[in-house]
């Protein structure tokens, strides 16, 4: 089986992991620079493996390590899998609920407009929008 080619993002992650090992004191400046240069010339994940064989975790995901934890993503990638909260995309029920809420809002708007109740429309329209949003949000 042939090894898959690396992407620039995977190379950047490997360079970042090497930087973490440099900060931890496992690599000196010269060795770090040498390994980073090899990371950027690597074509396959197999080319990265020798660079991390003598280093403890973390390793880049391209060679089977866990993804690097980034401070800006808010997810602890090193947490046990059951602790990671994942949001599912809205399903059919959520779309139906949102459609029903929007239908109620449109009925209120068209009904009050047909009756000529502009004052009532200005009061009930924002309330109908808020309630439709809350109803749809609760259903998801």
C-alpha atoms as a PDB file:
ATOM      1  CA  UNK A   1       0.000   0.000   0.000  1.00  0.00           C
ATOM      2  CA  UNK A   2       1.417   3.380  -0.929  1.00  0.00           C
ATOM      3  CA  UNK A   3       1.582   6.177   1.577  1.00  0.00           C
ATOM      4  CA  UNK A   4      -0.648   9.208   1.007  1.00  0.00           C
ATOM      5  CA  UNK A   5       0.845  12.558   0.111  1.00  0.00           C
ATOM      6  CA  UNK A   6       1.000  15.246   2.797  1.00  0.00           C
ATOM      7  CA  UNK A   7      -0.905  18.495   2.595  1.00  0.00           C
ATOM      8  CA  UNK A   8       0.549  21.862   3.560  1.00  0.00           C
ATOM      9  CA  UNK A   9      -1.704  21.856   6.638  1.00  0.00           C
ATOM     10  CA  UNK A  10      -0.269  18.508   7.748  1.00  0.00           C
ATOM     11  CA  UNK A  11       3.273  19.806   7.249  1.00  0.00           C
ATOM     12  CA  UNK A  12       2.411  22.933   9.257  1.00  0.00           C
ATOM     13  CA  UNK A  13       1.011  20.773  12.059  1.00  0.00           C
ATOM     14  CA  UNK A  14       4.195  18.671  12.115  1.00  0.00           C
ATOM     15  CA  UNK A  15       6.319  21.833  12.279  1.00  0.00           C
ATOM     16  CA  UNK A  16       4.140  23.112  15.136  1.00  0.00           C
ATOM     17  CA  UNK A  17       4.580  19.848  17.043  1.00  0.00           C
ATOM     18  CA  UNK A  18       8.334  20.066  16.572  1.00  0.00           C
ATOM     19  CA  UNK A  19       8.133  23.602  17.951  1.00  0.00           C
ATOM     20  CA  UNK A  20       6.402  22.256  21.063  1.00  0.00           C
ATOM     21  CA  UNK A  21       9.219  19.732  21.509  1.00  0.00           C
ATOM     22  CA  UNK A  22      11.731  22.587  21.057  1.00  0.00           C
ATOM     23  CA  UNK A  23       9.983  24.635  23.760  1.00  0.00           C
ATOM     24  CA  UNK A  24       9.943  21.589  26.055  1.00  0.00           C
ATOM     25  CA  UNK A  25      13.722  21.325  25.647  1.00  0.00           C
ATOM     26  CA  UNK A  26      13.798  18.017  23.789  1.00  0.00           C
ATOM     27  CA  UNK A  27      15.394  19.576  20.692  1.00  0.00           C
ATOM     28  CA  UNK A  28      18.124  22.196  20.484  1.00  0.00           C
ATOM     29  CA  UNK A  29      17.856  25.072  18.018  1.00  0.00           C
ATOM     30  CA  UNK A  30      19.983  23.489  15.294  1.00  0.00           C
ATOM     31  CA  UNK A  31      18.237  20.115  15.444  1.00  0.00           C
ATOM     32  CA  UNK A  32      14.820  21.808  15.469  1.00  0.00           C
ATOM     33  CA  UNK A  33      15.685  23.853  12.364  1.00  0.00           C
ATOM     34  CA  UNK A  34      17.040  20.761  10.616  1.00  0.00           C
ATOM     35  CA  UNK A  35      13.903  18.737  11.345  1.00  0.00           C
ATOM     36  CA  UNK A  36      11.564  21.570  10.337  1.00  0.00           C
ATOM     37  CA  UNK A  37      13.409  21.853   7.023  1.00  0.00           C
ATOM     38  CA  UNK A  38      12.891  18.118   6.515  1.00  0.00           C
ATOM     39  CA  UNK A  39       9.187  18.499   7.369  1.00  0.00           C
ATOM     40  CA  UNK A  40       8.704  21.074   4.619  1.00  0.00           C
ATOM     41  CA  UNK A  41      10.448  18.866   2.045  1.00  0.00           C
ATOM     42  CA  UNK A  42       8.539  15.715   3.063  1.00  0.00           C
ATOM     43  CA  UNK A  43       6.115  14.351   0.492  1.00  0.00           C
ATOM     44  CA  UNK A  44       4.641  11.383   2.358  1.00  0.00           C
ATOM     45  CA  UNK A  45       3.722  10.617   5.969  1.00  0.00           C
ATOM     46  CA  UNK A  46       6.453   7.968   5.959  1.00  0.00           C
ATOM     47  CA  UNK A  47       8.954  10.807   5.477  1.00  0.00           C
ATOM     48  CA  UNK A  48       7.774  12.347   8.782  1.00  0.00           C
ATOM     49  CA  UNK A  49       7.960   9.214  10.929  1.00  0.00           C
ATOM     50  CA  UNK A  50      11.761   9.213  11.416  1.00  0.00           C
ATOM     51  CA  UNK A  51      11.585  12.821  12.622  1.00  0.00           C
ATOM     52  CA  UNK A  52       9.368  11.798  15.552  1.00  0.00           C
ATOM     53  CA  UNK A  53      10.650   8.288  16.358  1.00  0.00           C
ATOM     54  CA  UNK A  54      12.835   9.499  19.216  1.00  0.00           C
ATOM     55  CA  UNK A  55      10.275  11.975  20.610  1.00  0.00           C
ATOM     56  CA  UNK A  56       7.379  11.299  22.991  1.00  0.00           C
ATOM     57  CA  UNK A  57       3.806  12.420  22.278  1.00  0.00           C
ATOM     58  CA  UNK A  58       2.437  14.621  20.857  1.00  0.00           C
ATOM     59  CA  UNK A  59       2.950  13.504  17.290  1.00  0.00           C
ATOM     60  CA  UNK A  60       1.209  14.966  14.243  1.00  0.00           C
ATOM     61  CA  UNK A  61      -2.038  13.367  13.108  1.00  0.00           C
ATOM     62  CA  UNK A  62      -0.480  12.496   9.738  1.00  0.00           C
ATOM     63  CA  UNK A  63       1.587   9.756  11.403  1.00  0.00           C
ATOM     64  CA  UNK A  64      -1.102   8.554  13.779  1.00  0.00           C
ATOM     65  CA  UNK A  65      -0.752  11.046  16.625  1.00  0.00           C
ATOM     66  CA  UNK A  66      -3.616  12.941  18.167  1.00  0.00           C
ATOM     67  CA  UNK A  67      -4.373  16.338  16.628  1.00  0.00           C
ATOM     68  CA  UNK A  68      -2.518  19.254  18.157  1.00  0.00           C
ATOM     69  CA  UNK A  69      -4.512  21.211  20.695  1.00  0.00           C
ATOM     70  CA  UNK A  70      -4.883  24.795  19.607  1.00  0.00           C
ATOM     71  CA  UNK A  71      -5.801  27.534  22.031  1.00  0.00           C
ATOM     72  CA  UNK A  72      -8.211  29.163  19.580  1.00  0.00           C
ATOM     73  CA  UNK A  73     -10.491  26.204  18.804  1.00  0.00           C
ATOM     74  CA  UNK A  74     -11.874  25.651  22.327  1.00  0.00           C
ATOM     75  CA  UNK A  75     -11.705  21.855  22.044  1.00  0.00           C
ATOM     76  CA  UNK A  76      -9.464  19.734  24.226  1.00  0.00           C
ATOM     77  CA  UNK A  77      -8.187  17.287  21.615  1.00  0.00           C
ATOM     78  CA  UNK A  78      -6.410  15.240  24.271  1.00  0.00           C
ATOM     79  CA  UNK A  79      -9.600  14.638  26.272  1.00  0.00           C
ATOM     80  CA  UNK A  80     -11.183  11.186  26.217  1.00  0.00           C
ATOM     81  CA  UNK A  81     -13.489  10.843  23.249  1.00  0.00           C
ATOM     82  CA  UNK A  82     -16.682  10.707  25.306  1.00  0.00           C
ATOM     83  CA  UNK A  83     -15.873  14.109  26.892  1.00  0.00           C
ATOM     84  CA  UNK A  84     -15.769  15.930  23.571  1.00  0.00           C
ATOM     85  CA  UNK A  85     -19.122  17.573  22.886  1.00  0.00           C
ATOM     86  CA  UNK A  86     -20.169  17.453  19.276  1.00  0.00           C
ATOM     87  CA  UNK A  87     -23.105  19.339  17.840  1.00  0.00           C
ATOM     88  CA  UNK A  88     -25.041  17.552  15.189  1.00  0.00           C
ATOM     89  CA  UNK A  89     -26.270  19.561  12.239  1.00  0.00           C
ATOM     90  CA  UNK A  90     -29.968  20.343  12.355  1.00  0.00           C
ATOM     91  CA  UNK A  91     -32.067  17.484  11.144  1.00  0.00           C
ATOM     92  CA  UNK A  92     -35.395  17.233   9.392  1.00  0.00           C
ATOM     93  CA  UNK A  93     -37.372  17.934  12.589  1.00  0.00           C
ATOM     94  CA  UNK A  94     -35.488  21.179  13.206  1.00  0.00           C
ATOM     95  CA  UNK A  95     -36.080  22.343   9.645  1.00  0.00           C
ATOM     96  CA  UNK A  96     -39.795  21.524   9.931  1.00  0.00           C
ATOM     97  CA  UNK A  97     -40.017  23.387  13.236  1.00  0.00           C
ATOM     98  CA  UNK A  98     -38.276  26.425  11.792  1.00  0.00           C
ATOM     99  CA  UNK A  99     -40.580  26.330   8.763  1.00  0.00           C
ATOM    100  CA  UNK A 100     -43.647  26.120  10.998  1.00  0.00           C
ATOM    101  CA  UNK A 101     -42.443  29.057  13.111  1.00  0.00           C
ATOM    102  CA  UNK A 102     -41.773  31.120  10.017  1.00  0.00           C
ATOM    103  CA  UNK A 103     -45.232  30.212   8.707  1.00  0.00           C
ATOM    104  CA  UNK A 104     -46.836  31.495  11.916  1.00  0.00           C
ATOM    105  CA  UNK A 105     -44.913  34.749  11.652  1.00  0.00           C
ATOM    106  CA  UNK A 106     -45.987  35.210   8.027  1.00  0.00           C
ATOM    107  CA  UNK A 107     -49.626  34.451   8.866  1.00  0.00           C
ATOM    108  CA  UNK A 108     -49.592  37.074  11.621  1.00  0.00           C
ATOM    109  CA  UNK A 109     -47.990  39.647   9.326  1.00  0.00           C
ATOM    110  CA  UNK A 110     -50.358  39.016   6.412  1.00  0.00           C
ATOM    111  CA  UNK A 111     -53.403  38.821   8.666  1.00  0.00           C
ATOM    112  CA  UNK A 112     -52.729  42.127  10.391  1.00  0.00           C
ATOM    113  CA  UNK A 113     -51.825  43.792   7.123  1.00  0.00           C
ATOM    114  CA  UNK A 114     -55.103  42.632   5.551  1.00  0.00           C
ATOM    115  CA  UNK A 115     -57.051  44.016   8.517  1.00  0.00           C
ATOM    116  CA  UNK A 116     -55.237  47.342   8.284  1.00  0.00           C
ATOM    117  CA  UNK A 117     -53.837  47.039  11.806  1.00  0.00           C
ATOM    118  CA  UNK A 118     -50.466  48.709  11.361  1.00  0.00           C
ATOM    119  CA  UNK A 119     -50.100  49.471  15.097  1.00  0.00           C
ATOM    120  CA  UNK A 120     -50.812  45.868  16.053  1.00  0.00           C
ATOM    121  CA  UNK A 121     -48.395  44.703  13.386  1.00  0.00           C
ATOM    122  CA  UNK A 122     -45.570  46.768  14.866  1.00  0.00           C
ATOM    123  CA  UNK A 123     -46.171  45.237  18.288  1.00  0.00           C
ATOM    124  CA  UNK A 124     -46.841  41.617  17.341  1.00  0.00           C
ATOM    125  CA  UNK A 125     -44.262  41.174  14.585  1.00  0.00           C
ATOM    126  CA  UNK A 126     -41.167  41.379  16.841  1.00  0.00           C
ATOM    127  CA  UNK A 127     -42.880  39.147  19.425  1.00  0.00           C
ATOM    128  CA  UNK A 128     -43.791  36.587  16.777  1.00  0.00           C
ATOM    129  CA  UNK A 129     -40.220  36.542  15.461  1.00  0.00           C
ATOM    130  CA  UNK A 130     -38.768  36.061  18.959  1.00  0.00           C
ATOM    131  CA  UNK A 131     -41.205  33.270  19.828  1.00  0.00           C
ATOM    132  CA  UNK A 132     -40.647  31.514  16.490  1.00  0.00           C
ATOM    133  CA  UNK A 133     -36.890  31.649  17.034  1.00  0.00           C
ATOM    134  CA  UNK A 134     -37.142  30.324  20.598  1.00  0.00           C
ATOM    135  CA  UNK A 135     -39.525  27.563  19.548  1.00  0.00           C
ATOM    136  CA  UNK A 136     -37.229  26.463  16.721  1.00  0.00           C
ATOM    137  CA  UNK A 137     -34.165  26.629  18.968  1.00  0.00           C
ATOM    138  CA  UNK A 138     -35.789  24.530  21.675  1.00  0.00           C
ATOM    139  CA  UNK A 139     -36.789  21.838  19.195  1.00  0.00           C
ATOM    140  CA  UNK A 140     -33.193  21.263  18.090  1.00  0.00           C
END
